[in-house]
Protein backbone atom coordinates (compact mmCIF):
# COMPACT_ATOMS: atom_id res chain seq x y z
CA MET A 1 89.11 129.83 96.46
CA SER A 2 85.41 128.50 96.38
CA LEU A 3 83.49 127.92 92.99
CA PRO A 4 81.99 130.94 91.44
CA ILE A 5 78.13 130.29 91.28
CA LYS A 6 77.82 130.60 87.40
CA ILE A 7 80.55 127.66 87.25
CA LEU A 8 78.93 126.04 90.13
CA LEU A 9 75.41 126.25 88.29
CA PHE A 10 76.74 124.79 84.91
CA LEU A 11 78.53 121.88 86.76
CA LEU A 12 75.96 120.75 89.26
CA PRO A 13 74.14 118.98 86.03
CA LEU A 14 77.00 117.56 84.86
CA LEU A 15 77.99 116.07 87.86
CA PHE A 16 75.04 113.92 88.38
CA TRP A 17 75.08 113.08 84.64
CA THR A 18 78.79 111.78 84.97
CA GLY A 19 78.38 109.82 88.01
CA CYS A 20 77.82 111.60 91.74
CA SER A 21 75.25 109.62 92.08
CA PHE A 22 75.16 105.66 91.00
CA LYS A 23 73.08 102.86 91.92
CA THR A 24 73.70 99.12 91.20
CA SER A 25 71.55 96.04 91.15
CA TYR A 26 73.20 94.01 94.10
CA GLY A 27 71.81 95.52 96.50
CA PRO A 28 70.39 99.01 98.05
CA SER A 29 74.39 100.54 98.33
CA ARG A 30 77.28 101.54 96.41
CA THR A 31 75.72 104.27 95.82
CA TYR A 32 77.98 108.03 95.76
CA GLY A 33 76.87 110.87 98.17
CA GLU A 34 77.03 112.27 101.34
CA GLY A 35 77.17 110.00 104.63
CA PRO A 36 78.13 110.47 108.22
CA LEU A 37 81.06 108.08 109.52
CA ARG A 38 79.89 107.27 113.49
CA GLY A 39 75.81 108.01 112.76
CA ASP A 40 74.15 108.33 115.63
CA SER A 41 76.98 106.64 118.12
CA THR A 42 78.18 110.00 119.64
CA GLU A 43 76.84 108.77 123.07
CA ILE A 44 78.89 105.89 123.06
CA LYS A 45 82.41 106.37 121.10
CA ASP A 46 85.11 107.56 122.31
CA THR A 47 85.93 111.72 121.53
CA PRO A 48 89.18 113.05 120.63
CA GLN A 49 88.95 115.14 124.24
CA MET A 50 89.82 112.11 125.80
CA HIS A 51 93.02 111.52 123.95
CA ARG A 52 94.37 114.88 123.78
CA ALA A 53 97.06 114.42 126.31
CA THR A 54 98.87 112.14 123.80
CA MET A 55 98.24 113.84 120.38
CA ARG A 56 99.83 116.64 118.30
CA PRO A 57 96.69 119.66 118.26
CA TYR A 58 96.76 122.46 115.36
CA GLN A 59 95.15 125.30 114.71
CA ILE A 60 93.29 126.44 111.43
CA ASP A 61 91.44 129.73 111.50
CA GLY A 62 91.41 130.04 114.82
CA LYS A 63 90.06 126.49 115.92
CA TRP A 64 91.90 123.73 117.55
CA TYR A 65 91.82 120.50 115.71
CA TYR A 66 93.05 117.01 117.35
CA PRO A 67 94.16 114.00 114.85
CA SER A 68 91.67 111.60 113.78
CA HIS A 69 91.87 108.25 115.39
CA VAL A 70 90.40 104.93 115.92
CA ASP A 71 90.43 102.63 118.81
CA VAL A 72 90.36 98.96 119.85
CA GLY A 73 86.68 98.56 121.12
CA GLU A 74 85.65 101.89 119.70
CA LYS A 75 81.84 101.58 118.98
CA SER A 76 79.45 103.64 116.57
CA MET A 77 75.90 102.98 115.13
CA GLY A 78 74.40 103.67 112.12
CA ILE A 79 72.77 101.86 108.95
CA ALA A 80 74.53 99.04 107.14
CA SER A 81 74.33 97.65 103.79
CA TRP A 82 75.83 95.13 101.21
CA TYR A 83 77.16 94.48 98.11
CA GLY A 84 77.66 91.15 96.12
CA PRO A 85 77.25 89.60 92.58
CA ASN A 86 78.08 92.51 90.71
CA PHE A 87 81.00 93.32 92.45
CA HIS A 88 82.19 89.57 92.93
CA GLY A 89 85.97 89.17 91.28
CA LYS A 90 86.47 92.96 91.09
CA LYS A 91 89.29 94.78 92.74
CA THR A 92 88.60 96.48 95.84
CA SER A 93 90.15 99.72 97.01
CA ASN A 94 93.15 97.96 98.65
CA GLY A 95 93.82 95.94 95.27
CA GLU A 96 92.14 92.38 96.57
CA THR A 97 89.50 90.58 94.49
CA TYR A 98 86.42 90.89 96.12
CA SER A 99 84.68 87.98 97.26
CA MET A 100 80.93 88.05 98.22
CA TYR A 101 81.71 84.76 100.34
CA ALA A 102 84.59 86.37 102.28
CA ARG A 103 83.87 88.27 105.75
CA THR A 104 85.01 91.66 104.38
CA ALA A 105 83.30 95.00 104.19
CA ALA A 106 83.68 98.64 103.08
CA HIS A 107 84.10 101.56 105.42
CA LYS A 108 85.09 105.08 104.69
CA THR A 109 87.98 106.03 106.85
CA PHE A 110 89.08 102.86 108.80
CA PRO A 111 92.78 101.86 108.11
CA MET A 112 92.16 98.69 105.72
CA ASN A 113 92.41 95.27 107.35
CA THR A 114 90.95 96.94 110.53
CA ILE A 115 88.74 94.26 112.00
CA VAL A 116 85.09 94.97 113.15
CA LYS A 117 82.20 93.18 114.91
CA VAL A 118 78.92 94.38 113.22
CA THR A 119 75.97 93.46 115.39
CA ASN A 120 72.32 93.86 114.11
CA ARG A 121 70.15 95.88 116.44
CA GLU A 122 66.87 94.54 115.40
CA ASN A 123 67.97 91.11 116.32
CA GLY A 124 70.89 90.95 117.88
CA LYS A 125 73.04 88.94 115.29
CA SER A 126 76.30 89.74 115.14
CA THR A 127 79.21 88.76 112.49
CA ILE A 128 83.29 89.58 111.93
CA VAL A 129 84.60 91.60 108.83
CA ARG A 130 87.73 92.99 107.84
CA ILE A 131 87.79 96.12 106.15
CA ASN A 132 89.24 96.30 102.37
CA ASP A 133 86.94 98.48 100.64
CA ARG A 134 86.16 102.30 100.71
CA GLY A 135 82.16 102.85 101.21
CA PRO A 136 79.43 103.02 101.50
CA PHE A 137 78.72 106.93 100.07
CA VAL A 138 75.34 107.17 100.96
CA GLU A 139 73.84 109.26 103.71
CA GLY A 140 73.64 107.41 106.99
CA ARG A 141 75.04 104.54 106.28
CA ILE A 142 78.44 103.59 107.50
CA ILE A 143 79.63 100.17 106.32
CA ASP A 144 78.79 97.88 103.62
CA LEU A 145 78.90 93.87 103.77
CA SER A 146 79.62 91.48 101.91
CA ASN A 147 76.90 88.37 101.06
CA THR A 148 77.99 86.18 103.70
CA ALA A 149 78.49 88.92 106.20
CA ALA A 150 75.15 90.50 105.47
CA LYS A 151 73.36 86.71 105.66
CA GLU A 152 74.82 85.94 108.96
CA ILE A 153 73.27 89.23 110.79
CA ASP A 154 69.80 88.21 108.43
CA MET A 155 69.85 91.52 106.63
CA VAL A 156 70.20 90.50 103.18
CA THR A 157 66.36 90.19 102.05
CA LYS A 158 65.67 93.69 103.47
CA GLY A 159 69.09 95.13 102.44
CA THR A 160 70.03 97.48 105.30
CA ALA A 161 69.72 97.10 108.77
CA PRO A 162 70.87 99.36 111.94
CA VAL A 163 74.03 97.85 113.58
CA VAL A 164 76.29 98.43 116.24
CA VAL A 165 80.31 98.36 114.90
CA GLU A 166 83.13 97.19 117.01
CA VAL A 167 86.31 97.89 116.11
CA LEU A 168 88.29 94.72 117.50
CA GLY A 169 92.25 94.71 115.84
CA PHE A 170 93.94 96.21 113.31
CA SER A 171 96.37 94.23 110.44
CA GLY A 172 93.84 91.35 109.82
CA ILE A 173 94.57 90.18 113.53
CA ILE A 174 91.54 90.44 116.38
CA SER A 175 93.21 91.93 119.59
CA SER A 176 93.26 89.22 122.35
CA ASP A 177 91.85 91.70 124.97
CA ALA A 178 88.82 91.75 122.33
CA THR A 179 87.74 88.55 122.18
CA LYS A 180 84.58 88.22 124.42
CA GLU A 181 81.09 87.25 122.73
CA LEU A 182 82.24 87.29 119.67
CA PRO A 183 80.33 85.18 116.85
CA LYS A 184 81.53 81.56 116.53
CA GLU A 185 80.47 81.07 113.04
CA ALA A 186 83.06 83.76 111.83
CA MET A 187 85.90 82.71 114.33
CA ASN A 188 85.95 79.03 113.53
CA SER A 189 86.05 80.25 109.91
CA LYS A 190 89.88 80.36 109.95
CA GLU A 191 89.76 83.94 108.29
CA PHE A 192 90.81 85.58 111.35
CA LYS A 193 93.67 85.19 113.96
CA VAL A 194 94.02 86.71 117.26
CA GLY A 195 97.10 88.51 119.10
CA LYS A 196 98.57 91.64 120.30
CA VAL A 197 97.85 94.49 118.07
CA GLU A 198 98.21 98.40 118.69
CA LYS A 199 95.48 99.89 121.13
CA SER A 200 94.86 102.88 118.92
CA VAL A 201 95.83 103.54 115.30
CA GLU A 202 95.99 107.52 114.18
CA LEU A 203 94.32 108.03 110.84
CA SER A 204 95.63 110.51 108.25
CA ARG A 205 95.31 111.69 104.37
CA PHE A 206 91.99 112.62 104.42
CA LEU A 207 90.04 113.64 101.42
CA VAL A 208 87.09 115.27 100.36
CA GLN A 209 85.40 114.33 97.10
CA ILE A 210 83.94 116.96 95.19
CA GLY A 211 82.89 115.31 91.72
CA ALA A 212 82.61 111.53 89.89
CA PHE A 213 82.99 111.26 86.42
CA ARG A 214 83.02 108.84 84.05
CA ASN A 215 84.75 110.92 81.19
CA LYS A 216 88.60 111.35 82.70
CA GLU A 217 89.00 114.42 80.33
CA GLY A 218 85.91 115.69 82.72
CA ALA A 219 87.26 114.68 85.80
CA GLU A 220 90.75 116.73 84.49
CA ARG A 221 88.92 119.91 83.87
CA PHE A 222 87.01 119.91 87.16
CA ARG A 223 90.41 119.33 89.17
CA ALA A 224 91.94 122.25 87.20
CA GLN A 225 89.07 124.58 87.89
CA ASN A 226 89.31 123.57 91.24
CA SER A 227 93.15 123.19 91.47
CA ASP A 228 93.83 125.19 94.80
CA VAL A 229 90.57 125.43 97.11
CA LYS A 230 91.24 127.25 100.34
CA GLY A 231 95.09 125.51 100.31
CA TYR A 232 93.56 122.23 99.36
CA LYS A 233 94.57 120.76 96.14
CA ALA A 234 92.95 118.92 93.78
CA VAL A 235 93.25 115.30 92.86
CA ILE A 236 91.92 112.53 90.64
CA ARG A 237 91.88 109.00 92.00
CA GLU A 238 90.46 106.27 89.64
CA PHE A 239 88.26 103.45 90.87
CA GLU A 240 86.07 100.71 89.41
CA LEU A 241 82.26 100.65 89.20
CA GLU A 242 80.35 97.85 87.53
CA GLY A 243 83.28 97.50 85.52
CA LYS A 244 84.02 100.63 84.14
CA PRO A 245 85.96 103.47 85.41
CA ILE A 246 84.97 106.14 87.55
CA TYR A 247 87.17 109.37 87.99
CA ARG A 248 87.13 110.74 91.42
CA VAL A 249 87.99 114.58 92.08
CA MET A 250 88.70 115.08 95.33
CA LEU A 251 90.68 117.87 97.88
CA SER A 252 93.73 116.71 99.36
CA GLY A 253 95.81 118.20 102.60
CA PHE A 254 93.46 117.91 105.40
CA LYS A 255 95.03 116.37 108.92
CA GLY A 256 91.93 115.07 110.18
CA GLU A 257 88.31 114.03 110.18
CA GLU A 258 86.64 117.19 111.95
CA GLU A 259 89.18 119.24 110.08
CA ALA A 260 87.66 117.86 106.75
CA ARG A 261 83.66 118.15 107.49
CA ASP A 262 83.91 121.60 108.87
CA PHE A 263 85.63 122.38 105.12
CA ILE A 264 82.69 120.98 103.69
CA ALA A 265 79.99 122.73 106.09
CA ARG A 266 81.51 125.88 105.88
CA GLU A 267 82.44 125.74 101.93
CA LYS A 268 79.41 123.90 100.62
CA ILE A 269 81.37 123.49 97.08
CA VAL A 270 78.79 120.73 95.73
CA SER A 271 75.77 118.60 97.35
CA GLY A 272 77.00 115.60 98.41
CA ALA A 273 80.76 115.76 99.12
CA PHE A 274 81.91 113.67 101.58
CA VAL A 275 84.90 112.18 103.11
CA ILE A 276 87.43 109.12 103.15
CA THR A 277 90.84 108.41 103.84
CA GLU A 278 93.01 106.59 101.42
């Protein structure tokens, strides 16, 4: 069931004190808050309705849902940010060691090792990056670029930029069908390979973050208080922020992104809840 009002009012100051909103010194991102996945891209991205013939629908509270997916060629628009020096050498969400000199990026839901082209809409400059981390958890931002990638689209000084993100491939490989008009500097870096890849990958294991704590005991208490919310189970995931652990309390069991977003809009458990995938 939803949180009682008294408990919610008590917990909100604690949540923000213990880590629901963080900012770092290495750029304008890595702040934890709400952020839409595909920004203002409705007019250019594929929709689930276009794929209903091949996907297995399911129903919750009388509404039909269709499993979320990402396709080669899919485009989305939003704001890009970057992160660099203060995270250099730290572990990313997939266990790699982050290098601000590599062409990598953080995304909330794309599968790890998805390859995307990022184009700065203000100057037309493009770069290619591989997703190896989760984020950015800031309202309106859809991708967090490495320092090198940010330099290639000339957004380091400004800190953010409006971008188009285009999916080029999966599993670290650029689809042989998506090699037109790719930035030569990135393609010549030997960081990327071209080959045959799946045209579409179904996303799964969606989570909704409802709290973030510096203190593990506080996270455990909050998880226990929300152990079963409308049938979704609370779990704790440990991450690192500025060299220190951060304990994120999340609800699990969502089969699709739309289901998770409908839950956030309907239940309003805490301000700043957002969706990610594992």
